[in-house]
Amino acid sequence: MERRTGLRGQGIAPARTPVRTIRKNTEDDLHEKNPEIPYVTAEHAIRDLVCSLMERQDRMNEEILTRVIDLQYRMDDLEADPPAIRRKKTAGNPGVPE
């Protein structure tokens, strides 16, 4: 709500600045050489943080993939030669029938 004078119907407060102008001025303030908010420094820090998190995630994914491949090779070896494994187990226990 805006107060108006009774005499002329004009507002007491100064005229509102359009939102478009405010946004443009804010962008200009952020990109100027020495702003109150160090936009460029904050942008670089955030970019470094995000990049380091992505690199860490890539390393973790690579490690998980390596483990899955290793487990797959082990399973393939076990499925390919089950009689040899049974012979190894029973060779240590002569009382167990084959």
N, C-alpha and C. Protein backbone atom coordinates (compact mmCIF):
# COMPACT_ATOMS: atom_id res chain seq x y z
N MET A 1 0.85 -1.17 0.00
CA MET A 1 0.00 0.00 0.00
C MET A 1 0.90 1.24 0.00
N GLU A 2 0.49 2.24 -0.72
CA GLU A 2 1.28 3.45 -0.83
C GLU A 2 0.45 4.63 -0.35
N ARG A 3 1.05 5.46 0.49
CA ARG A 3 0.32 6.65 0.98
C ARG A 3 0.32 7.72 -0.10
N ARG A 4 -0.74 8.42 -0.19
CA ARG A 4 -0.85 9.52 -1.16
C ARG A 4 -1.27 10.79 -0.41
N THR A 5 -0.82 11.89 -0.92
CA THR A 5 -1.24 13.14 -0.29
C THR A 5 -2.65 13.44 -0.71
N GLY A 6 -3.38 14.01 0.18
CA GLY A 6 -4.77 14.32 -0.12
C GLY A 6 -4.93 15.46 -1.08
N LEU A 7 -3.96 16.33 -1.10
CA LEU A 7 -4.09 17.54 -1.90
C LEU A 7 -3.93 17.28 -3.39
N ARG A 8 -2.90 16.59 -3.80
CA ARG A 8 -2.63 16.41 -5.22
C ARG A 8 -2.72 14.97 -5.67
N GLY A 9 -2.88 14.01 -4.78
CA GLY A 9 -2.97 12.61 -5.17
C GLY A 9 -1.63 12.01 -5.56
N GLN A 10 -0.55 12.62 -5.12
CA GLN A 10 0.77 12.12 -5.46
C GLN A 10 1.33 11.31 -4.28
N GLY A 11 2.16 10.35 -4.60
CA GLY A 11 2.78 9.53 -3.57
C GLY A 11 3.84 10.29 -2.81
N ILE A 12 3.99 9.97 -1.52
CA ILE A 12 5.00 10.61 -0.70
C ILE A 12 6.38 10.01 -1.00
N ALA A 13 6.40 8.69 -1.17
CA ALA A 13 7.66 8.00 -1.42
C ALA A 13 8.15 8.27 -2.84
N PRO A 14 9.45 8.15 -3.07
CA PRO A 14 9.93 8.32 -4.44
C PRO A 14 9.40 7.20 -5.34
N ALA A 15 9.38 7.44 -6.62
CA ALA A 15 8.87 6.45 -7.57
C ALA A 15 9.72 5.17 -7.51
N ARG A 16 9.07 4.03 -7.67
CA ARG A 16 9.78 2.74 -7.62
C ARG A 16 10.59 2.54 -8.90
N THR A 17 11.76 1.98 -8.71
CA THR A 17 12.63 1.68 -9.84
C THR A 17 12.17 0.35 -10.44
N PRO A 18 12.09 0.25 -11.75
CA PRO A 18 11.67 -1.01 -12.36
C PRO A 18 12.64 -2.16 -12.00
N VAL A 19 12.10 -3.37 -11.91
CA VAL A 19 12.88 -4.55 -11.54
C VAL A 19 14.00 -4.78 -12.54
N ARG A 20 13.73 -4.55 -13.80
CA ARG A 20 14.75 -4.76 -14.84
C ARG A 20 15.98 -3.88 -14.56
N THR A 21 15.76 -2.64 -14.18
CA THR A 21 16.86 -1.73 -13.88
C THR A 21 17.64 -2.19 -12.65
N ILE A 22 16.90 -2.64 -11.63
CA ILE A 22 17.56 -3.11 -10.41
C ILE A 22 18.44 -4.31 -10.72
N ARG A 23 17.93 -5.27 -11.50
CA ARG A 23 18.72 -6.45 -11.85
C ARG A 23 19.96 -6.08 -12.67
N LYS A 24 19.80 -5.17 -13.60
CA LYS A 24 20.95 -4.75 -14.40
C LYS A 24 22.00 -4.09 -13.53
N ASN A 25 21.57 -3.25 -12.62
CA ASN A 25 22.52 -2.59 -11.72
C ASN A 25 23.22 -3.61 -10.82
N THR A 26 22.50 -4.63 -10.37
CA THR A 26 23.10 -5.66 -9.53
C THR A 26 24.17 -6.42 -10.30
N GLU A 27 23.87 -6.80 -11.53
CA GLU A 27 24.88 -7.48 -12.35
C GLU A 27 26.10 -6.60 -12.57
N ASP A 28 25.89 -5.33 -12.84
CA ASP A 28 27.01 -4.41 -13.03
C ASP A 28 27.84 -4.30 -11.76
N ASP A 29 27.17 -4.24 -10.60
CA ASP A 29 27.88 -4.15 -9.32
C ASP A 29 28.72 -5.41 -9.08
N LEU A 30 28.18 -6.56 -9.41
CA LEU A 30 28.91 -7.82 -9.17
C LEU A 30 30.14 -7.95 -10.06
N HIS A 31 30.06 -7.42 -11.27
CA HIS A 31 31.17 -7.58 -12.21
C HIS A 31 32.14 -6.40 -12.20
N GLU A 32 31.91 -5.41 -11.37
CA GLU A 32 32.86 -4.29 -11.34
C GLU A 32 34.16 -4.72 -10.69
N LYS A 33 35.16 -3.89 -10.79
CA LYS A 33 36.51 -4.27 -10.39
C LYS A 33 36.64 -4.59 -8.90
N ASN A 34 36.01 -3.82 -8.02
CA ASN A 34 36.15 -4.03 -6.59
C ASN A 34 34.77 -4.00 -5.92
N PRO A 35 33.95 -5.05 -6.11
CA PRO A 35 32.61 -5.04 -5.54
C PRO A 35 32.63 -5.40 -4.05
N GLU A 36 31.50 -5.14 -3.38
CA GLU A 36 31.37 -5.52 -1.96
C GLU A 36 31.34 -7.05 -1.84
N ILE A 37 30.68 -7.68 -2.81
CA ILE A 37 30.63 -9.14 -2.84
C ILE A 37 31.67 -9.60 -3.86
N PRO A 38 32.68 -10.34 -3.45
CA PRO A 38 33.71 -10.77 -4.40
C PRO A 38 33.17 -11.88 -5.31
N TYR A 39 32.37 -11.50 -6.29
CA TYR A 39 31.68 -12.45 -7.16
C TYR A 39 32.64 -13.36 -7.88
N VAL A 40 33.67 -12.81 -8.48
CA VAL A 40 34.60 -13.61 -9.28
C VAL A 40 35.33 -14.61 -8.39
N THR A 41 35.77 -14.17 -7.21
CA THR A 41 36.46 -15.06 -6.28
C THR A 41 35.54 -16.18 -5.83
N ALA A 42 34.30 -15.82 -5.49
CA ALA A 42 33.32 -16.84 -5.06
C ALA A 42 33.03 -17.81 -6.19
N GLU A 43 32.91 -17.29 -7.41
CA GLU A 43 32.64 -18.15 -8.56
C GLU A 43 33.77 -19.15 -8.77
N HIS A 44 35.02 -18.70 -8.65
CA HIS A 44 36.17 -19.60 -8.82
C HIS A 44 36.20 -20.66 -7.71
N ALA A 45 35.92 -20.24 -6.48
CA ALA A 45 35.94 -21.20 -5.36
C ALA A 45 34.85 -22.26 -5.53
N ILE A 46 33.67 -21.84 -5.95
CA ILE A 46 32.57 -22.78 -6.15
C ILE A 46 32.90 -23.73 -7.31
N ARG A 47 33.46 -23.20 -8.38
CA ARG A 47 33.83 -24.04 -9.52
C ARG A 47 34.88 -25.07 -9.10
N ASP A 48 35.88 -24.65 -8.32
CA ASP A 48 36.90 -25.59 -7.84
C ASP A 48 36.29 -26.68 -6.97
N LEU A 49 35.36 -26.30 -6.11
CA LEU A 49 34.70 -27.27 -5.23
C LEU A 49 33.92 -28.30 -6.04
N VAL A 50 33.13 -27.81 -7.00
CA VAL A 50 32.32 -28.72 -7.81
C VAL A 50 33.22 -29.65 -8.64
N CYS A 51 34.28 -29.10 -9.21
CA CYS A 51 35.19 -29.92 -10.02
C CYS A 51 35.87 -30.99 -9.17
N SER A 52 36.29 -30.62 -7.95
CA SER A 52 36.94 -31.62 -7.10
C SER A 52 35.96 -32.70 -6.67
N LEU A 53 34.71 -32.33 -6.43
CA LEU A 53 33.70 -33.35 -6.09
C LEU A 53 33.44 -34.28 -7.27
N MET A 54 33.40 -33.73 -8.48
CA MET A 54 33.19 -34.56 -9.66
C MET A 54 34.37 -35.50 -9.89
N GLU A 55 35.59 -35.01 -9.69
CA GLU A 55 36.77 -35.87 -9.85
C GLU A 55 36.76 -36.99 -8.82
N ARG A 56 36.38 -36.66 -7.59
CA ARG A 56 36.31 -37.69 -6.54
C ARG A 56 35.27 -38.75 -6.89
N GLN A 57 34.13 -38.29 -7.39
CA GLN A 57 33.08 -39.23 -7.78
C GLN A 57 33.56 -40.12 -8.93
N ASP A 58 34.28 -39.55 -9.89
CA ASP A 58 34.83 -40.34 -10.99
C ASP A 58 35.80 -41.41 -10.49
N ARG A 59 36.68 -41.02 -9.54
CA ARG A 59 37.63 -42.00 -8.99
C ARG A 59 36.89 -43.12 -8.25
N MET A 60 35.85 -42.76 -7.50
CA MET A 60 35.09 -43.77 -6.77
C MET A 60 34.37 -44.71 -7.74
N ASN A 61 33.79 -44.16 -8.79
CA ASN A 61 33.11 -44.98 -9.79
C ASN A 61 34.08 -45.92 -10.48
N GLU A 62 35.28 -45.43 -10.76
CA GLU A 62 36.30 -46.27 -11.39
C GLU A 62 36.70 -47.42 -10.47
N GLU A 63 36.86 -47.13 -9.18
CA GLU A 63 37.22 -48.17 -8.21
C GLU A 63 36.11 -49.22 -8.10
N ILE A 64 34.88 -48.77 -8.05
CA ILE A 64 33.75 -49.71 -7.97
C ILE A 64 33.69 -50.58 -9.22
N LEU A 65 33.88 -49.97 -10.39
CA LEU A 65 33.85 -50.72 -11.63
C LEU A 65 34.98 -51.76 -11.67
N THR A 66 36.17 -51.38 -11.19
CA THR A 66 37.29 -52.33 -11.15
C THR A 66 36.95 -53.52 -10.25
N ARG A 67 36.34 -53.27 -9.11
CA ARG A 67 35.97 -54.35 -8.19
C ARG A 67 34.91 -55.26 -8.80
N VAL A 68 33.93 -54.66 -9.49
CA VAL A 68 32.88 -55.46 -10.12
C VAL A 68 33.48 -56.36 -11.20
N ILE A 69 34.39 -55.81 -12.00
CA ILE A 69 35.03 -56.61 -13.05
C ILE A 69 35.84 -57.75 -12.43
N ASP A 70 36.57 -57.46 -11.34
CA ASP A 70 37.34 -58.50 -10.66
C ASP A 70 36.42 -59.60 -10.13
N LEU A 71 35.31 -59.22 -9.53
CA LEU A 71 34.36 -60.22 -9.04
C LEU A 71 33.77 -61.05 -10.18
N GLN A 72 33.52 -60.41 -11.31
CA GLN A 72 32.99 -61.13 -12.47
C GLN A 72 34.00 -62.17 -12.96
N TYR A 73 35.29 -61.79 -13.03
CA TYR A 73 36.33 -62.75 -13.42
C TYR A 73 36.39 -63.92 -12.44
N ARG A 74 36.31 -63.62 -11.16
CA ARG A 74 36.36 -64.69 -10.16
C ARG A 74 35.17 -65.63 -10.29
N MET A 75 33.98 -65.06 -10.51
CA MET A 75 32.78 -65.90 -10.69
C MET A 75 32.91 -66.76 -11.94
N ASP A 76 33.42 -66.18 -13.02
CA ASP A 76 33.61 -66.95 -14.26
C ASP A 76 34.57 -68.11 -14.03
N ASP A 77 35.66 -67.84 -13.29
CA ASP A 77 36.62 -68.90 -12.98
C ASP A 77 35.98 -70.01 -12.15
N LEU A 78 35.17 -69.62 -11.17
CA LEU A 78 34.51 -70.61 -10.31
C LEU A 78 33.50 -71.45 -11.09
N GLU A 79 32.75 -70.80 -11.97
CA GLU A 79 31.74 -71.52 -12.76
C GLU A 79 32.39 -72.40 -13.82
N ALA A 80 33.55 -72.02 -14.30
CA ALA A 80 34.19 -72.77 -15.37
C ALA A 80 34.82 -74.07 -14.89
N ASP A 81 35.25 -74.14 -13.64
CA ASP A 81 35.99 -75.31 -13.18
C ASP A 81 35.54 -75.78 -11.80
N PRO A 82 34.26 -76.14 -11.63
CA PRO A 82 33.81 -76.59 -10.30
C PRO A 82 34.38 -77.94 -9.87
N PRO A 83 34.61 -78.93 -10.75
CA PRO A 83 35.16 -80.20 -10.26
C PRO A 83 36.55 -80.04 -9.65
N ALA A 84 37.39 -79.18 -10.18
CA ALA A 84 38.72 -78.97 -9.63
C ALA A 84 38.64 -78.41 -8.22
N ILE A 85 37.67 -77.56 -7.98
CA ILE A 85 37.50 -76.99 -6.64
C ILE A 85 37.06 -78.08 -5.67
N ARG A 86 36.14 -78.94 -6.13
CA ARG A 86 35.69 -80.03 -5.25
C ARG A 86 36.84 -80.98 -4.92
N ARG A 87 37.70 -81.21 -5.89
CA ARG A 87 38.86 -82.09 -5.65
C ARG A 87 39.81 -81.47 -4.63
N LYS A 88 39.99 -80.15 -4.70
CA LYS A 88 40.88 -79.48 -3.74
C LYS A 88 40.32 -79.60 -2.32
N LYS A 89 39.02 -79.44 -2.18
CA LYS A 89 38.40 -79.51 -0.85
C LYS A 89 38.50 -80.93 -0.29
N THR A 90 38.24 -81.93 -1.09
CA THR A 90 38.24 -83.31 -0.60
C THR A 90 39.65 -83.87 -0.46
N ALA A 91 40.62 -83.28 -1.15
CA ALA A 91 42.00 -83.77 -1.05
C ALA A 91 42.54 -83.54 0.36
N GLY A 92 42.10 -82.49 1.00
CA GLY A 92 42.55 -82.22 2.36
C GLY A 92 41.85 -83.07 3.39
N ASN A 93 40.70 -83.65 3.04
CA ASN A 93 39.87 -84.49 3.94
C ASN A 93 39.65 -85.85 3.28
N PRO A 94 40.47 -86.84 3.55
CA PRO A 94 40.32 -88.12 2.85
C PRO A 94 39.06 -88.88 3.24
N GLY A 95 38.43 -88.57 4.36
CA GLY A 95 37.24 -89.30 4.79
C GLY A 95 35.96 -88.83 4.11
N VAL A 96 36.02 -87.73 3.40
CA VAL A 96 34.81 -87.20 2.74
C VAL A 96 34.68 -87.83 1.38
N PRO A 97 33.50 -88.44 1.09
CA PRO A 97 33.32 -89.04 -0.25
C PRO A 97 33.15 -87.95 -1.31
N GLU A 98 33.57 -88.31 -2.54
CA GLU A 98 33.46 -87.35 -3.64
C GLU A 98 32.11 -87.40 -4.27
